[in-house]
Amino acid sequence: MLKAAVIGLGDISKIHVPIIQESPHAELAAVCDIDESLRDSVPGVPFYTDYEEMLEKESLDCVHICLPHHLHYPAAKAVVEKGVHVFLEKPLARNAEEGMFLVDLEKKYEDVKICLSLQNRLNATFVKLRELIASGGYGEVTGIKALVTWFRPKEYYDVKPWRGKMRQAGGGVMINQSIHSLDLMQLIGGEIETIRGSIDNLLDYGHEVEDTATAHIQFKNDAKGLFFATVTNATNSSVEFQVILERGKLTIKDSILTITNDEGKKEKIIEDDKLPGKKFYYGASHGKLINHFYTCIEQDSDDYIHARDAQTSMEMISAIRRSSEIKQTIDMEVYK
């Protein structure tokens, strides 16, 4: 039985902690947060306010890092240097440059695994979508569309000010709410040739990070991508992900995958499991990815989402931001 710990007891830890507690592969051995008021939030589990102390005193196999973005790299580095595996919440880092530090860390410590929480790759709808594309029955991919139209009130940033600060968050809607969509786009589209993007703030919250972003993505295989994300919508609407093929159209919306043929006939293929409650839009694949990673640790397998796998979406975000600043198309080969 693996011994796992969680650093950071904020919102996303409420997904991680129950999964660890219910896992057949692991037990929750410790938790850590600088907020003393959370000491009794996970009953019966040792609580620390300093993760360095936790790493010294506990014998751990895996640490889940659920911290603000600017702490991802230093915390992951401390854990990896102790020879302990890491399950790291998205994003990889604050930007592509810092992301490379984690990629290099992964190369340096070859025996230590770093798995990124890009769990939407394991959603049943997306897995099936990839299978249908790979079958070749619908021809080549010609277009990809990803839409994220959510809402975040001013209080969302006020209660945790780091979310609105570039130095700590590294960005807004792209890195925090829609990085999963960018990740799925590059998985389907492959290598990217150019990106032209624009970011803006449509709400007068006064924070530093963008609340709206859009981009046109040209893939090397001639497919075109449209990305649009905002947290200025009236509510948290379903994420939409669509792949246009030569002989059909695959769409994920409302957690349902449908296929539309050349004659316009739409057919339901499969539906995702959903989380109960208001945050259904998180998706329900955290458990799949976490338990899969535990299996990879037990079996010493490399079949998980590495830091290098997550770096592409970081480069996409940085390119969109840079394109918006200079109002020019970014050649990804030159940009890297």
C-alpha atoms as a PDB file:
ATOM      1  CA  MET A   1       0.000   0.000   0.000  1.00  0.00           C
ATOM      2  CA  LEU A   2       1.484   3.314  -1.099  1.00  0.00           C
ATOM      3  CA  LYS A   3       1.749   6.139   1.410  1.00  0.00           C
ATOM      4  CA  ALA A   4       0.448   9.388  -0.096  1.00  0.00           C
ATOM      5  CA  ALA A   5       0.321  12.967   1.181  1.00  0.00           C
ATOM      6  CA  VAL A   6      -1.315  16.198   0.040  1.00  0.00           C
ATOM      7  CA  ILE A   7       0.312  19.631   0.105  1.00  0.00           C
ATOM      8  CA  GLY A   8      -2.289  22.373  -0.057  1.00  0.00           C
ATOM      9  CA  LEU A   9      -5.814  21.971   1.323  1.00  0.00           C
ATOM     10  CA  GLY A  10      -7.631  24.430  -0.938  1.00  0.00           C
ATOM     11  CA  ASP A  11     -10.579  23.787  -3.254  1.00  0.00           C
ATOM     12  CA  ILE A  12      -9.004  21.145  -5.493  1.00  0.00           C
ATOM     13  CA  SER A  13      -7.748  19.097  -2.529  1.00  0.00           C
ATOM     14  CA  LYS A  14     -11.387  18.262  -1.827  1.00  0.00           C
ATOM     15  CA  ILE A  15     -11.226  16.151  -4.995  1.00  0.00           C
ATOM     16  CA  HIS A  16      -7.860  14.542  -4.197  1.00  0.00           C
ATOM     17  CA  VAL A  17      -8.316  13.649  -0.528  1.00  0.00           C
ATOM     18  CA  PRO A  18     -11.412  11.402  -0.907  1.00  0.00           C
ATOM     19  CA  ILE A  19      -9.881   9.666  -3.927  1.00  0.00           C
ATOM     20  CA  ILE A  20      -6.743   8.817  -1.960  1.00  0.00           C
ATOM     21  CA  GLN A  21      -8.800   7.659   1.028  1.00  0.00           C
ATOM     22  CA  GLU A  22     -10.878   5.362  -1.164  1.00  0.00           C
ATOM     23  CA  SER A  23      -8.032   4.089  -3.333  1.00  0.00           C
ATOM     24  CA  PRO A  24      -7.151   0.383  -3.185  1.00  0.00           C
ATOM     25  CA  HIS A  25      -3.546   1.352  -3.917  1.00  0.00           C
ATOM     26  CA  ALA A  26      -2.784   3.992  -1.280  1.00  0.00           C
ATOM     27  CA  GLU A  27      -3.467   5.407   2.145  1.00  0.00           C
ATOM     28  CA  LEU A  28      -3.439   9.079   3.124  1.00  0.00           C
ATOM     29  CA  ALA A  29      -0.416   9.368   5.401  1.00  0.00           C
ATOM     30  CA  ALA A  30      -0.208  13.153   5.889  1.00  0.00           C
ATOM     31  CA  VAL A  31      -1.540  16.539   4.803  1.00  0.00           C
ATOM     32  CA  CYS A  32       0.075  19.961   4.799  1.00  0.00           C
ATOM     33  CA  ASP A  33      -1.134  23.555   4.652  1.00  0.00           C
ATOM     34  CA  ILE A  34       0.156  26.823   6.082  1.00  0.00           C
ATOM     35  CA  ASP A  35      -3.334  27.592   7.411  1.00  0.00           C
ATOM     36  CA  GLU A  36      -3.485  26.286  11.005  1.00  0.00           C
ATOM     37  CA  SER A  37      -7.285  26.494  10.982  1.00  0.00           C
ATOM     38  CA  LEU A  38      -7.310  23.486   8.634  1.00  0.00           C
ATOM     39  CA  ARG A  39      -5.552  21.246  11.163  1.00  0.00           C
ATOM     40  CA  ASP A  40      -8.691  19.183  11.810  1.00  0.00           C
ATOM     41  CA  SER A  41     -10.048  19.284   8.259  1.00  0.00           C
ATOM     42  CA  VAL A  42      -8.860  15.713   7.569  1.00  0.00           C
ATOM     43  CA  PRO A  43      -9.520  13.815  10.810  1.00  0.00           C
ATOM     44  CA  GLY A  44      -7.060  11.155  11.886  1.00  0.00           C
ATOM     45  CA  VAL A  45      -4.323  12.233   9.478  1.00  0.00           C
ATOM     46  CA  PRO A  46      -1.079  13.920  10.605  1.00  0.00           C
ATOM     47  CA  PHE A  47      -1.137  17.646   9.773  1.00  0.00           C
ATOM     48  CA  TYR A  48       1.878  19.807   8.947  1.00  0.00           C
ATOM     49  CA  THR A  49       2.319  23.495   8.197  1.00  0.00           C
ATOM     50  CA  ASP A  50       5.758  22.983   6.590  1.00  0.00           C
ATOM     51  CA  TYR A  51       6.120  20.492   3.763  1.00  0.00           C
ATOM     52  CA  GLU A  52       9.870  20.246   4.304  1.00  0.00           C
ATOM     53  CA  GLU A  53       9.174  18.984   7.823  1.00  0.00           C
ATOM     54  CA  MET A  54       6.569  16.572   6.485  1.00  0.00           C
ATOM     55  CA  LEU A  55       9.042  15.179   3.966  1.00  0.00           C
ATOM     56  CA  GLU A  56      11.613  14.682   6.729  1.00  0.00           C
ATOM     57  CA  LYS A  57       9.304  12.991   9.218  1.00  0.00           C
ATOM     58  CA  GLU A  58       7.035  10.903   6.996  1.00  0.00           C
ATOM     59  CA  SER A  59       7.991   7.927   4.827  1.00  0.00           C
ATOM     60  CA  LEU A  60       6.094   8.748   1.633  1.00  0.00           C
ATOM     61  CA  ASP A  61       5.744   7.210  -1.813  1.00  0.00           C
ATOM     62  CA  CYS A  62       3.731   9.954  -3.528  1.00  0.00           C
ATOM     63  CA  VAL A  63       2.873  13.573  -2.796  1.00  0.00           C
ATOM     64  CA  HIS A  64      -0.059  15.403  -4.354  1.00  0.00           C
ATOM     65  CA  ILE A  65       0.723  19.081  -4.905  1.00  0.00           C
ATOM     66  CA  CYS A  66      -2.439  21.208  -4.802  1.00  0.00           C
ATOM     67  CA  LEU A  67      -0.857  24.617  -4.322  1.00  0.00           C
ATOM     68  CA  PRO A  68      -1.090  28.026  -6.027  1.00  0.00           C
ATOM     69  CA  HIS A  69       0.733  27.999  -9.354  1.00  0.00           C
ATOM     70  CA  HIS A  70       3.888  29.846  -8.258  1.00  0.00           C
ATOM     71  CA  LEU A  71       4.564  27.130  -5.686  1.00  0.00           C
ATOM     72  CA  HIS A  72       4.325  24.191  -8.098  1.00  0.00           C
ATOM     73  CA  TYR A  73       7.981  24.147  -9.104  1.00  0.00           C
ATOM     74  CA  PRO A  74       9.613  24.727  -5.684  1.00  0.00           C
ATOM     75  CA  ALA A  75       7.344  22.180  -3.999  1.00  0.00           C
ATOM     76  CA  ALA A  76       7.812  19.588  -6.759  1.00  0.00           C
ATOM     77  CA  LYS A  77      11.566  20.112  -6.638  1.00  0.00           C
ATOM     78  CA  ALA A  78      11.648  19.548  -2.867  1.00  0.00           C
ATOM     79  CA  VAL A  79       9.588  16.358  -3.170  1.00  0.00           C
ATOM     80  CA  VAL A  80      11.512  14.939  -6.120  1.00  0.00           C
ATOM     81  CA  GLU A  81      14.850  15.614  -4.449  1.00  0.00           C
ATOM     82  CA  LYS A  82      13.647  13.381  -1.598  1.00  0.00           C
ATOM     83  CA  GLY A  83      13.082  10.592  -4.111  1.00  0.00           C
ATOM     84  CA  VAL A  84       9.301  10.783  -3.740  1.00  0.00           C
ATOM     85  CA  HIS A  85       6.915  10.639  -6.705  1.00  0.00           C
ATOM     86  CA  VAL A  86       4.728  13.661  -7.507  1.00  0.00           C
ATOM     87  CA  PHE A  87       1.136  14.021  -8.634  1.00  0.00           C
ATOM     88  CA  LEU A  88       0.980  17.672  -9.668  1.00  0.00           C
ATOM     89  CA  GLU A  89      -2.225  19.609 -10.180  1.00  0.00           C
ATOM     90  CA  LYS A  90      -2.403  21.633 -13.355  1.00  0.00           C
ATOM     91  CA  PRO A  91      -0.856  23.814 -14.591  1.00  0.00           C
ATOM     92  CA  LEU A  92       2.692  22.548 -14.909  1.00  0.00           C
ATOM     93  CA  ALA A  93       4.018  25.976 -13.900  1.00  0.00           C
ATOM     94  CA  ARG A  94       3.321  29.701 -14.335  1.00  0.00           C
ATOM     95  CA  ASN A  95       4.663  29.879 -17.884  1.00  0.00           C
ATOM     96  CA  ALA A  96       6.570  27.927 -20.511  1.00  0.00           C
ATOM     97  CA  GLU A  97       9.970  29.042 -19.227  1.00  0.00           C
ATOM     98  CA  GLU A  98       9.258  27.789 -15.721  1.00  0.00           C
ATOM     99  CA  GLY A  99       7.660  24.665 -17.194  1.00  0.00           C
ATOM    100  CA  MET A 100      11.041  23.753 -18.658  1.00  0.00           C
ATOM    101  CA  PHE A 101      12.491  23.716 -15.132  1.00  0.00           C
ATOM    102  CA  LEU A 102      10.106  20.858 -14.328  1.00  0.00           C
ATOM    103  CA  VAL A 103      10.878  19.092 -17.599  1.00  0.00           C
ATOM    104  CA  ASP A 104      14.590  19.318 -16.722  1.00  0.00           C
ATOM    105  CA  LEU A 105      13.851  18.113 -13.177  1.00  0.00           C
ATOM    106  CA  GLU A 106      12.116  15.095 -14.665  1.00  0.00           C
ATOM    107  CA  LYS A 107      15.162  14.350 -16.834  1.00  0.00           C
ATOM    108  CA  LYS A 108      17.583  14.735 -13.936  1.00  0.00           C
ATOM    109  CA  TYR A 109      15.697  12.418 -11.568  1.00  0.00           C
ATOM    110  CA  GLU A 110      14.865   9.575 -13.934  1.00  0.00           C
ATOM    111  CA  ASP A 111      13.749   7.234 -11.157  1.00  0.00           C
ATOM    112  CA  VAL A 112      11.170   9.675  -9.789  1.00  0.00           C
ATOM    113  CA  LYS A 113       7.836  10.071 -11.548  1.00  0.00           C
ATOM    114  CA  ILE A 114       6.023  13.399 -12.035  1.00  0.00           C
ATOM    115  CA  CYS A 115       2.439  13.014 -13.242  1.00  0.00           C
ATOM    116  CA  LEU A 116       0.412  16.046 -14.335  1.00  0.00           C
ATOM    117  CA  SER A 117      -3.278  16.255 -13.527  1.00  0.00           C
ATOM    118  CA  LEU A 118      -4.555  16.673 -17.069  1.00  0.00           C
ATOM    119  CA  GLN A 119      -7.283  14.196 -16.253  1.00  0.00           C
ATOM    120  CA  ASN A 120      -9.683  15.179 -19.034  1.00  0.00           C
ATOM    121  CA  ARG A 121      -7.541  13.048 -21.333  1.00  0.00           C
ATOM    122  CA  LEU A 122      -9.198  10.088 -19.597  1.00  0.00           C
ATOM    123  CA  ASN A 123     -12.806  11.248 -19.959  1.00  0.00           C
ATOM    124  CA  ALA A 124     -14.773   8.481 -21.678  1.00  0.00           C
ATOM    125  CA  THR A 125     -15.943  10.898 -24.378  1.00  0.00           C
ATOM    126  CA  PHE A 126     -12.417  11.999 -25.253  1.00  0.00           C
ATOM    127  CA  VAL A 127     -10.987   8.473 -25.181  1.00  0.00           C
ATOM    128  CA  LYS A 128     -13.714   7.363 -27.605  1.00  0.00           C
ATOM    129  CA  LEU A 129     -13.218  10.437 -29.778  1.00  0.00           C
ATOM    130  CA  ARG A 130      -9.537   9.572 -30.188  1.00  0.00           C
ATOM    131  CA  GLU A 131     -10.417   5.970 -31.030  1.00  0.00           C
ATOM    132  CA  LEU A 132     -12.837   7.067 -33.755  1.00  0.00           C
ATOM    133  CA  ILE A 133     -10.267   9.423 -35.265  1.00  0.00           C
ATOM    134  CA  ALA A 134      -7.554   6.749 -35.157  1.00  0.00           C
ATOM    135  CA  SER A 135      -9.824   4.274 -36.938  1.00  0.00           C
ATOM    136  CA  GLY A 136      -9.475   6.350 -40.102  1.00  0.00           C
ATOM    137  CA  GLY A 137     -13.083   5.766 -41.035  1.00  0.00           C
ATOM    138  CA  TYR A 138     -13.923   9.464 -41.074  1.00  0.00           C
ATOM    139  CA  GLY A 139     -10.814  10.738 -42.844  1.00  0.00           C
ATOM    140  CA  GLU A 140      -8.273  13.267 -41.659  1.00  0.00           C
ATOM    141  CA  VAL A 141      -8.788  15.990 -39.078  1.00  0.00           C
ATOM    142  CA  THR A 142      -9.398  19.346 -40.745  1.00  0.00           C
ATOM    143  CA  GLY A 143     -10.495  21.475 -37.799  1.00  0.00           C
ATOM    144  CA  ILE A 144     -10.657  21.613 -33.995  1.00  0.00           C
ATOM    145  CA  LYS A 145     -12.813  23.923 -31.898  1.00  0.00           C
ATOM    146  CA  ALA A 146     -12.631  24.362 -28.126  1.00  0.00           C
ATOM    147  CA  LEU A 147     -15.004  26.647 -26.219  1.00  0.00           C
ATOM    148  CA  VAL A 148     -14.972  27.345 -22.480  1.00  0.00           C
ATOM    149  CA  THR A 149     -17.638  29.810 -21.330  1.00  0.00           C
ATOM    150  CA  TRP A 150     -17.667  29.980 -17.551  1.00  0.00           C
ATOM    151  CA  PHE A 151     -18.257  32.596 -14.868  1.00  0.00           C
ATOM    152  CA  ARG A 152     -16.111  33.726 -11.961  1.00  0.00           C
ATOM    153  CA  PRO A 153     -17.391  36.479  -9.648  1.00  0.00           C
ATOM    154  CA  LYS A 154     -15.101  39.145  -8.229  1.00  0.00           C
ATOM    155  CA  GLU A 155     -15.240  37.297  -4.911  1.00  0.00           C
ATOM    156  CA  TYR A 156     -13.433  34.357  -6.534  1.00  0.00           C
ATOM    157  CA  TYR A 157     -10.329  36.552  -6.817  1.00  0.00           C
ATOM    158  CA  ASP A 158     -10.900  38.504  -3.610  1.00  0.00           C
ATOM    159  CA  VAL A 159     -11.022  35.415  -1.390  1.00  0.00           C
ATOM    160  CA  LYS A 160      -7.747  34.110  -2.866  1.00  0.00           C
ATOM    161  CA  PRO A 161      -5.880  37.165  -4.233  1.00  0.00           C
ATOM    162  CA  TRP A 162      -3.112  35.073  -5.818  1.00  0.00           C
ATOM    163  CA  ARG A 163      -5.573  34.086  -8.555  1.00  0.00           C
ATOM    164  CA  GLY A 164      -5.587  37.641  -9.899  1.00  0.00           C
ATOM    165  CA  LYS A 165      -1.838  38.258  -9.785  1.00  0.00           C
ATOM    166  CA  MET A 166       0.443  37.424 -12.711  1.00  0.00           C
ATOM    167  CA  ARG A 167       3.465  36.794 -10.476  1.00  0.00           C
ATOM    168  CA  GLN A 168       1.628  34.079  -8.589  1.00  0.00           C
ATOM    169  CA  ALA A 169      -0.959  32.693 -11.029  1.00  0.00           C
ATOM    170  CA  GLY A 170       0.901  33.179 -14.313  1.00  0.00           C
ATOM    171  CA  GLY A 171      -2.365  34.129 -16.010  1.00  0.00           C
ATOM    172  CA  GLY A 172      -6.109  33.844 -15.799  1.00  0.00           C
ATOM    173  CA  VAL A 173      -8.655  31.985 -17.881  1.00  0.00           C
ATOM    174  CA  MET A 174      -6.067  30.263 -20.087  1.00  0.00           C
ATOM    175  CA  ILE A 175      -3.899  28.749 -17.384  1.00  0.00           C
ATOM    176  CA  ASN A 176      -6.561  28.271 -14.734  1.00  0.00           C
ATOM    177  CA  GLN A 177      -9.873  27.380 -16.397  1.00  0.00           C
ATOM    178  CA  SER A 178      -9.153  26.288 -19.979  1.00  0.00           C
ATOM    179  CA  ILE A 179      -5.724  24.657 -20.002  1.00  0.00           C
ATOM    180  CA  HIS A 180      -7.426  21.260 -20.350  1.00  0.00           C
ATOM    181  CA  SER A 181      -8.997  22.360 -23.645  1.00  0.00           C
ATOM    182  CA  LEU A 182      -5.645  23.544 -25.004  1.00  0.00           C
ATOM    183  CA  ASP A 183      -4.092  20.244 -23.956  1.00  0.00           C
ATOM    184  CA  LEU A 184      -6.772  18.235 -25.771  1.00  0.00           C
ATOM    185  CA  MET A 185      -6.441  20.414 -28.880  1.00  0.00           C
ATOM    186  CA  GLN A 186      -2.735  19.677 -29.238  1.00  0.00           C
ATOM    187  CA  LEU A 187      -3.284  15.968 -28.576  1.00  0.00           C
ATOM    188  CA  ILE A 188      -5.664  15.809 -31.537  1.00  0.00           C
ATOM    189  CA  GLY A 189      -3.989  18.347 -33.825  1.00  0.00           C
ATOM    190  CA  GLY A 190      -0.389  17.366 -33.293  1.00  0.00           C
ATOM    191  CA  GLU A 191       2.505  19.744 -33.821  1.00  0.00           C
ATOM    192  CA  ILE A 192       1.603  23.408 -34.092  1.00  0.00           C
ATOM    193  CA  GLU A 193       2.908  25.654 -36.858  1.00  0.00           C
ATOM    194  CA  THR A 194       1.573  29.083 -35.864  1.00  0.00           C
ATOM    195  CA  ILE A 195      -0.675  30.753 -33.301  1.00  0.00           C
ATOM    196  CA  ARG A 196      -2.412  34.113 -33.496  1.00  0.00           C
ATOM    197  CA  GLY A 197      -4.087  35.064 -30.232  1.00  0.00           C
ATOM    198  CA  SER A 198      -5.711  37.850 -28.286  1.00  0.00           C
ATOM    199  CA  ILE A 199      -6.390  38.273 -24.570  1.00  0.00           C
ATOM    200  CA  ASP A 200      -8.470  40.858 -22.751  1.00  0.00           C
ATOM    201  CA  ASN A 201     -10.359  41.772 -19.594  1.00  0.00           C
ATOM    202  CA  LEU A 202     -14.058  42.259 -20.177  1.00  0.00           C
ATOM    203  CA  LEU A 203     -14.941  42.613 -16.487  1.00  0.00           C
ATOM    204  CA  ASP A 204     -13.780  45.532 -14.353  1.00  0.00           C
ATOM    205  CA  TYR A 205     -12.405  43.472 -11.485  1.00  0.00           C
ATOM    206  CA  GLY A 206      -9.087  45.287 -11.459  1.00  0.00           C
ATOM    207  CA  HIS A 207      -6.920  42.160 -11.401  1.00  0.00           C
ATOM    208  CA  GLU A 208      -3.848  41.538 -13.546  1.00  0.00           C
ATOM    209  CA  VAL A 209      -4.818  38.291 -15.274  1.00  0.00           C
ATOM    210  CA  GLU A 210      -6.934  37.895 -18.416  1.00  0.00           C
ATOM    211  CA  ASP A 211     -10.570  36.854 -18.176  1.00  0.00           C
ATOM    212  CA  THR A 212     -11.034  36.213 -21.906  1.00  0.00           C
ATOM    213  CA  ALA A 213      -8.787  34.685 -24.580  1.00  0.00           C
ATOM    214  CA  THR A 214      -9.134  33.606 -28.176  1.00  0.00           C
ATOM    215  CA  ALA A 215      -6.740  32.082 -30.671  1.00  0.00           C
ATOM    216  CA  HIS A 216      -6.432  30.741 -34.189  1.00  0.00           C
ATOM    217  CA  ILE A 217      -4.098  27.751 -34.293  1.00  0.00           C
ATOM    218  CA  GLN A 218      -2.545  26.403 -37.481  1.00  0.00           C
ATOM    219  CA  PHE A 219      -1.347  22.821 -37.109  1.00  0.00           C
ATOM    220  CA  LYS A 220       1.453  21.360 -39.248  1.00  0.00           C
ATOM    221  CA  ASN A 221      -0.947  18.810 -40.748  1.00  0.00           C
ATOM    222  CA  ASP A 222      -3.003  21.720 -42.195  1.00  0.00           C
ATOM    223  CA  ALA A 223      -5.791  21.403 -39.614  1.00  0.00           C
ATOM    224  CA  LYS A 224      -7.057  24.683 -38.179  1.00  0.00           C
ATOM    225  CA  GLY A 225      -7.984  25.297 -34.560  1.00  0.00           C
ATOM    226  CA  LEU A 226     -10.271  27.821 -32.891  1.00  0.00           C
ATOM    227  CA  PHE A 227      -9.906  28.390 -29.159  1.00  0.00           C
ATOM    228  CA  PHE A 228     -12.144  30.649 -27.097  1.00  0.00           C
ATOM    229  CA  ALA A 229     -12.307  30.874 -23.325  1.00  0.00           C
ATOM    230  CA  THR A 230     -13.896  33.324 -20.912  1.00  0.00           C
ATOM    231  CA  VAL A 231     -15.012  33.577 -17.302  1.00  0.00           C
ATOM    232  CA  THR A 232     -17.407  36.434 -18.104  1.00  0.00           C
ATOM    233  CA  ASN A 233     -20.391  34.265 -19.015  1.00  0.00           C
ATOM    234  CA  ALA A 234     -23.606  34.408 -16.962  1.00  0.00           C
ATOM    235  CA  THR A 235     -22.991  30.886 -15.689  1.00  0.00           C
ATOM    236  CA  ASN A 236     -20.679  27.861 -16.023  1.00  0.00           C
ATOM    237  CA  SER A 237     -21.818  26.427 -19.328  1.00  0.00           C
ATOM    238  CA  SER A 238     -20.660  23.097 -20.666  1.00  0.00           C
ATOM    239  CA  VAL A 239     -17.245  22.965 -22.262  1.00  0.00           C
ATOM    240  CA  GLU A 240     -17.524  22.250 -25.974  1.00  0.00           C
ATOM    241  CA  PHE A 241     -14.866  20.364 -27.916  1.00  0.00           C
ATOM    242  CA  GLN A 242     -15.391  19.612 -31.596  1.00  0.00           C
ATOM    243  CA  VAL A 243     -13.295  17.855 -34.211  1.00  0.00           C
ATOM    244  CA  ILE A 244     -14.147  18.291 -37.879  1.00  0.00           C
ATOM    245  CA  LEU A 245     -13.083  15.426 -40.136  1.00  0.00           C
ATOM    246  CA  GLU A 246     -13.287  14.888 -43.888  1.00  0.00           C
ATOM    247  CA  ARG A 247     -16.348  12.675 -43.480  1.00  0.00           C
ATOM    248  CA  GLY A 248     -18.004  13.666 -40.235  1.00  0.00           C
ATOM    249  CA  LYS A 249     -17.976  15.830 -37.139  1.00  0.00           C
ATOM    250  CA  LEU A 250     -17.333  14.689 -33.555  1.00  0.00           C
ATOM    251  CA  THR A 251     -18.636  16.921 -30.771  1.00  0.00           C
ATOM    252  CA  ILE A 252     -18.309  16.728 -26.994  1.00  0.00           C
ATOM    253  CA  LYS A 253     -20.870  18.918 -25.262  1.00  0.00           C
ATOM    254  CA  ASP A 254     -22.778  18.488 -22.009  1.00  0.00           C
ATOM    255  CA  SER A 255     -20.349  15.605 -21.349  1.00  0.00           C
ATOM    256  CA  ILE A 256     -21.809  13.678 -24.310  1.00  0.00           C
ATOM    257  CA  LEU A 257     -19.960  12.653 -27.463  1.00  0.00           C
ATOM    258  CA  THR A 258     -21.999  12.807 -30.647  1.00  0.00           C
ATOM    259  CA  ILE A 259     -21.149  12.180 -34.270  1.00  0.00           C
ATOM    260  CA  THR A 260     -22.716  14.024 -37.168  1.00  0.00           C
ATOM    261  CA  ASN A 261     -22.377  12.423 -40.617  1.00  0.00           C
ATOM    262  CA  ASP A 262     -22.206  14.085 -44.036  1.00  0.00           C
ATOM    263  CA  GLU A 263     -25.991  14.113 -44.242  1.00  0.00           C
ATOM    264  CA  GLY A 264     -26.367  16.019 -40.963  1.00  0.00           C
ATOM    265  CA  LYS A 265     -27.612  13.067 -38.921  1.00  0.00           C
ATOM    266  CA  LYS A 266     -26.462  13.251 -35.291  1.00  0.00           C
ATOM    267  CA  GLU A 267     -25.922  10.157 -33.152  1.00  0.00           C
ATOM    268  CA  LYS A 268     -25.010   9.881 -29.461  1.00  0.00           C
ATOM    269  CA  ILE A 269     -21.925   7.738 -28.886  1.00  0.00           C
ATOM    270  CA  ILE A 270     -21.068   7.854 -25.182  1.00  0.00           C
ATOM    271  CA  GLU A 271     -21.516   9.989 -22.054  1.00  0.00           C
ATOM    272  CA  ASP A 272     -19.036  10.862 -19.325  1.00  0.00           C
ATOM    273  CA  ASP A 273     -19.437  10.124 -15.668  1.00  0.00           C
ATOM    274  CA  LYS A 274     -20.209  13.363 -13.854  1.00  0.00           C
ATOM    275  CA  LEU A 275     -19.311  14.729 -10.453  1.00  0.00           C
ATOM    276  CA  PRO A 276     -22.304  15.552  -8.273  1.00  0.00           C
ATOM    277  CA  GLY A 277     -22.955  19.124  -7.223  1.00  0.00           C
ATOM    278  CA  LYS A 278     -22.238  22.529  -8.672  1.00  0.00           C
ATOM    279  CA  LYS A 279     -18.714  21.771  -9.863  1.00  0.00           C
ATOM    280  CA  PHE A 280     -19.737  19.087 -12.345  1.00  0.00           C
ATOM    281  CA  TYR A 281     -17.658  20.875 -14.982  1.00  0.00           C
ATOM    282  CA  TYR A 282     -14.462  19.619 -13.293  1.00  0.00           C
ATOM    283  CA  GLY A 283     -15.119  16.261 -14.915  1.00  0.00           C
ATOM    284  CA  ALA A 284     -14.894  12.965 -13.058  1.00  0.00           C
ATOM    285  CA  SER A 285     -11.575  11.551 -14.262  1.00  0.00           C
ATOM    286  CA  HIS A 286      -9.306  12.632 -11.407  1.00  0.00           C
ATOM    287  CA  GLY A 287      -9.858   9.242  -9.780  1.00  0.00           C
ATOM    288  CA  LYS A 288      -9.008   7.376 -12.972  1.00  0.00           C
ATOM    289  CA  LEU A 289      -5.745   9.273 -13.416  1.00  0.00           C
ATOM    290  CA  ILE A 290      -4.681   9.145  -9.762  1.00  0.00           C
ATOM    291  CA  ASN A 291      -5.245   5.399  -9.453  1.00  0.00           C
ATOM    292  CA  HIS A 292      -3.595   4.809 -12.822  1.00  0.00           C
ATOM    293  CA  PHE A 293      -0.560   6.741 -11.614  1.00  0.00           C
ATOM    294  CA  TYR A 294      -0.436   4.686  -8.432  1.00  0.00           C
ATOM    295  CA  THR A 295      -0.395   1.564 -10.604  1.00  0.00           C
ATOM    296  CA  CYS A 296       2.464   3.063 -12.625  1.00  0.00           C
ATOM    297  CA  ILE A 297       4.406   3.593  -9.396  1.00  0.00           C
ATOM    298  CA  GLU A 298       3.750   0.020  -8.257  1.00  0.00           C
ATOM    299  CA  GLN A 299       4.685  -1.462 -11.629  1.00  0.00           C
ATOM    300  CA  ASP A 300       7.425   1.069 -12.469  1.00  0.00           C
ATOM    301  CA  SER A 301       5.632   2.007 -15.684  1.00  0.00           C
ATOM    302  CA  ASP A 302       6.121   5.203 -17.707  1.00  0.00           C
ATOM    303  CA  ASP A 303       2.528   5.226 -18.962  1.00  0.00           C
ATOM    304  CA  TYR A 304       1.409   8.469 -17.317  1.00  0.00           C
ATOM    305  CA  ILE A 305       1.271  12.192 -18.177  1.00  0.00           C
ATOM    306  CA  HIS A 306       4.838  13.440 -17.839  1.00  0.00           C
ATOM    307  CA  ALA A 307       5.993  17.017 -17.303  1.00  0.00           C
ATOM    308  CA  ARG A 308       7.227  17.014 -20.900  1.00  0.00           C
ATOM    309  CA  ASP A 309       3.723  16.081 -22.066  1.00  0.00           C
ATOM    310  CA  ALA A 310       2.236  19.066 -20.247  1.00  0.00           C
ATOM    311  CA  GLN A 311       4.800  21.537 -21.565  1.00  0.00           C
ATOM    312  CA  THR A 312       3.074  21.952 -24.942  1.00  0.00           C
ATOM    313  CA  SER A 313      -0.011  23.577 -23.436  1.00  0.00           C
ATOM    314  CA  MET A 314       2.258  25.924 -21.476  1.00  0.00           C
ATOM    315  CA  GLU A 315       3.949  26.934 -24.726  1.00  0.00           C
ATOM    316  CA  MET A 316       0.547  27.522 -26.332  1.00  0.00           C
ATOM    317  CA  ILE A 317      -0.485  29.851 -23.503  1.00  0.00           C
ATOM    318  CA  SER A 318       2.775  31.786 -23.654  1.00  0.00           C
ATOM    319  CA  ALA A 319       2.463  32.117 -27.441  1.00  0.00           C
ATOM    320  CA  ILE A 320      -1.135  33.395 -27.234  1.00  0.00           C
ATOM    321  CA  ARG A 321      -0.075  35.954 -24.629  1.00  0.00           C
ATOM    322  CA  ARG A 322       2.919  37.075 -26.702  1.00  0.00           C
ATOM    323  CA  SER A 323       0.851  37.241 -29.890  1.00  0.00           C
ATOM    324  CA  SER A 324      -1.662  39.472 -28.132  1.00  0.00           C
ATOM    325  CA  GLU A 325       1.119  41.762 -26.901  1.00  0.00           C
ATOM    326  CA  ILE A 326       2.787  42.279 -30.289  1.00  0.00           C
ATOM    327  CA  LYS A 327      -0.365  41.771 -32.385  1.00  0.00           C
ATOM    328  CA  GLN A 328       1.398  39.325 -34.678  1.00  0.00           C
ATOM    329  CA  THR A 329       1.228  35.642 -35.556  1.00  0.00           C
ATOM    330  CA  ILE A 330       3.707  33.512 -33.602  1.00  0.00           C
ATOM    331  CA  ASP A 331       5.778  30.927 -35.472  1.00  0.00           C
ATOM    332  CA  MET A 332       6.082  28.149 -32.895  1.00  0.00           C
ATOM    333  CA  GLU A 333       9.368  26.789 -34.259  1.00  0.00           C
ATOM    334  CA  VAL A 334      11.018  30.196 -33.865  1.00  0.00           C
ATOM    335  CA  TYR A 335       9.222  30.947 -30.596  1.00  0.00           C
ATOM    336  CA  LYS A 336      10.546  27.841 -28.852  1.00  0.00           C
END
